Amino acid sequence: QVQLVESGGGLVQAGGSLRLSCAASGSIFSIRAMGWYRQAPGKQRELVATITTGGITNYADSVKGRFTISSVNAKNVVYLQMNSLKPEDTAVYYCAADRIFISDNADYWGKGTLVTVSS
């Protein structure tokens, strides 16, 4: 089993920045990819960004150029640096991990951290 704990959410004004962290523990040797999803009120959960253990990244079009995903494998932590935040970025952000690749059916999920962007 793998446990994921997110942190770093909060309230920020539009145009501001936040950095989310996801700390993984447990059977992390099996993990090959990690990522972030988000779910806004009344909307479906959507993929934000993913990163593989080889460092390959992928982003949703809505966050390209504003968000950056990175990892520190030795510390088993994945970050999501969010810049130029917009009110539409308001959501609960979830960390996900998988033994193959990140999808809606990822193996492991955190409990989420709330990001609120005020206009």
C-alpha atoms as a PDB file:
ATOM      1  CA  GLN A   1       0.000   0.000   0.000  1.00  0.00           C
ATOM      2  CA  VAL A   2       0.978   3.595  -0.630  1.00  0.00           C
ATOM      3  CA  GLN A   3      -0.184   6.537   1.409  1.00  0.00           C
ATOM      4  CA  LEU A   4      -0.376  10.012  -0.124  1.00  0.00           C
ATOM      5  CA  VAL A   5      -0.696  13.206   1.900  1.00  0.00           C
ATOM      6  CA  GLU A   6      -1.243  16.557   0.231  1.00  0.00           C
ATOM      7  CA  SER A   7      -0.447  19.949   1.700  1.00  0.00           C
ATOM      8  CA  GLY A   8      -0.084  23.560   0.622  1.00  0.00           C
ATOM      9  CA  GLY A   9      -3.624  24.504  -0.283  1.00  0.00           C
ATOM     10  CA  GLY A  10      -5.203  27.738   0.824  1.00  0.00           C
ATOM     11  CA  LEU A  11      -6.735  31.025  -0.198  1.00  0.00           C
ATOM     12  CA  VAL A  12      -4.957  33.206  -2.718  1.00  0.00           C
ATOM     13  CA  GLN A  13      -5.881  36.185  -4.870  1.00  0.00           C
ATOM     14  CA  ALA A  14      -6.099  35.903  -8.615  1.00  0.00           C
ATOM     15  CA  GLY A  15      -2.657  36.256 -10.153  1.00  0.00           C
ATOM     16  CA  GLY A  16      -0.988  34.777  -7.097  1.00  0.00           C
ATOM     17  CA  SER A  17       0.925  31.560  -6.585  1.00  0.00           C
ATOM     18  CA  LEU A  18       0.746  28.447  -4.439  1.00  0.00           C
ATOM     19  CA  ARG A  19       2.849  25.318  -4.212  1.00  0.00           C
ATOM     20  CA  LEU A  20       1.198  22.030  -3.408  1.00  0.00           C
ATOM     21  CA  SER A  21       3.140  19.094  -2.009  1.00  0.00           C
ATOM     22  CA  CYS A  22       2.332  15.396  -2.006  1.00  0.00           C
ATOM     23  CA  ALA A  23       4.315  13.126   0.283  1.00  0.00           C
ATOM     24  CA  ALA A  24       4.271   9.415  -0.494  1.00  0.00           C
ATOM     25  CA  SER A  25       4.986   6.658   2.004  1.00  0.00           C
ATOM     26  CA  GLY A  26       4.630   2.904   2.213  1.00  0.00           C
ATOM     27  CA  SER A  27       5.404   0.650  -0.762  1.00  0.00           C
ATOM     28  CA  ILE A  28       6.689   3.510  -2.886  1.00  0.00           C
ATOM     29  CA  PHE A  29       9.157   1.279  -4.750  1.00  0.00           C
ATOM     30  CA  SER A  30       6.238   0.152  -6.910  1.00  0.00           C
ATOM     31  CA  ILE A  31       5.262   3.648  -8.052  1.00  0.00           C
ATOM     32  CA  ARG A  32       6.108   4.656 -11.639  1.00  0.00           C
ATOM     33  CA  ALA A  33       3.969   7.768 -12.022  1.00  0.00           C
ATOM     34  CA  MET A  34       2.370  10.453  -9.896  1.00  0.00           C
ATOM     35  CA  GLY A  35       0.092  13.301 -10.664  1.00  0.00           C
ATOM     36  CA  TRP A  36      -2.469  15.854  -9.622  1.00  0.00           C
ATOM     37  CA  TYR A  37      -6.175  15.944 -10.299  1.00  0.00           C
ATOM     38  CA  ARG A  38      -8.671  18.577  -9.255  1.00  0.00           C
ATOM     39  CA  GLN A  39     -12.393  18.743  -8.726  1.00  0.00           C
ATOM     40  CA  ALA A  40     -14.270  22.010  -8.656  1.00  0.00           C
ATOM     41  CA  PRO A  41     -17.710  22.302  -7.033  1.00  0.00           C
ATOM     42  CA  GLY A  42     -20.341  20.759  -9.253  1.00  0.00           C
ATOM     43  CA  LYS A  43     -17.814  19.553 -11.807  1.00  0.00           C
ATOM     44  CA  GLN A  44     -16.129  16.293 -12.645  1.00  0.00           C
ATOM     45  CA  ARG A  45     -12.640  15.522 -11.470  1.00  0.00           C
ATOM     46  CA  GLU A  46     -10.056  16.451 -14.109  1.00  0.00           C
ATOM     47  CA  LEU A  47      -6.416  15.706 -14.687  1.00  0.00           C
ATOM     48  CA  VAL A  48      -4.053  18.607 -14.022  1.00  0.00           C
ATOM     49  CA  ALA A  49      -0.520  17.251 -14.434  1.00  0.00           C
ATOM     50  CA  THR A  50       1.464  14.028 -14.291  1.00  0.00           C
ATOM     51  CA  ILE A  51       5.093  13.040 -13.905  1.00  0.00           C
ATOM     52  CA  THR A  52       6.830   9.707 -14.324  1.00  0.00           C
ATOM     53  CA  THR A  53       9.815   8.439 -12.381  1.00  0.00           C
ATOM     54  CA  GLY A  54      11.787   9.161 -15.548  1.00  0.00           C
ATOM     55  CA  GLY A  55      10.805  12.814 -15.349  1.00  0.00           C
ATOM     56  CA  ILE A  56       8.353  12.906 -18.255  1.00  0.00           C
ATOM     57  CA  THR A  57       5.610  15.445 -17.588  1.00  0.00           C
ATOM     58  CA  ASN A  58       2.183  16.092 -19.010  1.00  0.00           C
ATOM     59  CA  TYR A  59      -0.239  18.958 -18.425  1.00  0.00           C
ATOM     60  CA  ALA A  60      -3.849  19.814 -19.049  1.00  0.00           C
ATOM     61  CA  ASP A  61      -4.173  22.548 -21.665  1.00  0.00           C
ATOM     62  CA  SER A  62      -5.848  24.802 -19.111  1.00  0.00           C
ATOM     63  CA  VAL A  63      -2.726  24.934 -16.918  1.00  0.00           C
ATOM     64  CA  LYS A  64       0.106  24.774 -19.461  1.00  0.00           C
ATOM     65  CA  GLY A  65       2.550  27.600 -18.946  1.00  0.00           C
ATOM     66  CA  ARG A  66       1.194  28.364 -15.471  1.00  0.00           C
ATOM     67  CA  PHE A  67       1.642  25.146 -13.476  1.00  0.00           C
ATOM     68  CA  THR A  68       4.772  23.053 -13.068  1.00  0.00           C
ATOM     69  CA  ILE A  69       4.935  19.538 -11.677  1.00  0.00           C
ATOM     70  CA  SER A  70       8.183  18.262 -10.236  1.00  0.00           C
ATOM     71  CA  SER A  71       9.408  15.498  -7.987  1.00  0.00           C
ATOM     72  CA  VAL A  72      12.198  14.778  -5.575  1.00  0.00           C
ATOM     73  CA  ASN A  73      12.461  11.020  -5.750  1.00  0.00           C
ATOM     74  CA  ALA A  74      14.838  10.725  -2.869  1.00  0.00           C
ATOM     75  CA  LYS A  75      12.258  12.414  -0.686  1.00  0.00           C
ATOM     76  CA  ASN A  76       9.256  10.782  -2.331  1.00  0.00           C
ATOM     77  CA  VAL A  77       7.589  14.124  -2.772  1.00  0.00           C
ATOM     78  CA  VAL A  78       5.792  15.581  -5.766  1.00  0.00           C
ATOM     79  CA  TYR A  79       5.165  19.298  -6.077  1.00  0.00           C
ATOM     80  CA  LEU A  80       2.728  21.353  -8.096  1.00  0.00           C
ATOM     81  CA  GLN A  81       3.862  24.944  -8.489  1.00  0.00           C
ATOM     82  CA  MET A  82       0.850  27.023  -9.494  1.00  0.00           C
ATOM     83  CA  ASN A  83       1.429  30.534 -10.829  1.00  0.00           C
ATOM     84  CA  SER A  84      -0.891  33.137 -12.323  1.00  0.00           C
ATOM     85  CA  LEU A  85      -3.800  31.533 -10.550  1.00  0.00           C
ATOM     86  CA  LYS A  86      -7.320  32.208 -11.794  1.00  0.00           C
ATOM     87  CA  PRO A  87     -10.663  31.912 -10.009  1.00  0.00           C
ATOM     88  CA  GLU A  88     -11.439  28.924 -12.225  1.00  0.00           C
ATOM     89  CA  ASP A  89      -8.507  27.091 -10.644  1.00  0.00           C
ATOM     90  CA  THR A  90     -10.521  26.893  -7.440  1.00  0.00           C
ATOM     91  CA  ALA A  91     -10.932  23.216  -6.583  1.00  0.00           C
ATOM     92  CA  VAL A  92      -9.915  20.406  -4.299  1.00  0.00           C
ATOM     93  CA  TYR A  93      -6.594  19.130  -5.591  1.00  0.00           C
ATOM     94  CA  TYR A  94      -5.848  15.430  -5.249  1.00  0.00           C
ATOM     95  CA  CYS A  95      -2.538  13.646  -5.512  1.00  0.00           C
ATOM     96  CA  ALA A  96      -2.518  10.317  -7.334  1.00  0.00           C
ATOM     97  CA  ALA A  97       0.045   7.557  -7.802  1.00  0.00           C
ATOM     98  CA  ASP A  98       0.138   4.464  -9.956  1.00  0.00           C
ATOM     99  CA  ARG A  99       2.339   1.475 -10.686  1.00  0.00           C
ATOM    100  CA  ILE A 100       2.104   2.085 -14.445  1.00  0.00           C
ATOM    101  CA  PHE A 101       0.648   5.453 -15.452  1.00  0.00           C
ATOM    102  CA  ILE A 102      -1.763   8.028 -14.093  1.00  0.00           C
ATOM    103  CA  SER A 103      -5.374   7.760 -15.131  1.00  0.00           C
ATOM    104  CA  ASP A 104      -8.791   8.247 -13.603  1.00  0.00           C
ATOM    105  CA  ASN A 105      -8.357   4.769 -12.141  1.00  0.00           C
ATOM    106  CA  ALA A 106      -5.010   5.398 -10.472  1.00  0.00           C
ATOM    107  CA  ASP A 107      -4.038   2.927  -7.786  1.00  0.00           C
ATOM    108  CA  TYR A 108      -3.650   5.397  -4.921  1.00  0.00           C
ATOM    109  CA  TRP A 109      -5.208   8.720  -3.974  1.00  0.00           C
ATOM    110  CA  GLY A 110      -4.712  11.333  -1.322  1.00  0.00           C
ATOM    111  CA  LYS A 111      -7.563  12.989   0.525  1.00  0.00           C
ATOM    112  CA  GLY A 112      -7.121  16.320  -1.210  1.00  0.00           C
ATOM    113  CA  THR A 113      -6.236  19.893  -0.374  1.00  0.00           C
ATOM    114  CA  LEU A 114      -8.485  22.867  -1.091  1.00  0.00           C
ATOM    115  CA  VAL A 115      -7.294  25.720  -3.283  1.00  0.00           C
ATOM    116  CA  THR A 116      -9.459  28.830  -3.401  1.00  0.00           C
ATOM    117  CA  VAL A 117      -8.627  31.666  -5.774  1.00  0.00           C
ATOM    118  CA  SER A 118     -10.465  34.908  -5.161  1.00  0.00           C
ATOM    119  CA  SER A 119     -11.151  37.441  -7.884  1.00  0.00           C
END
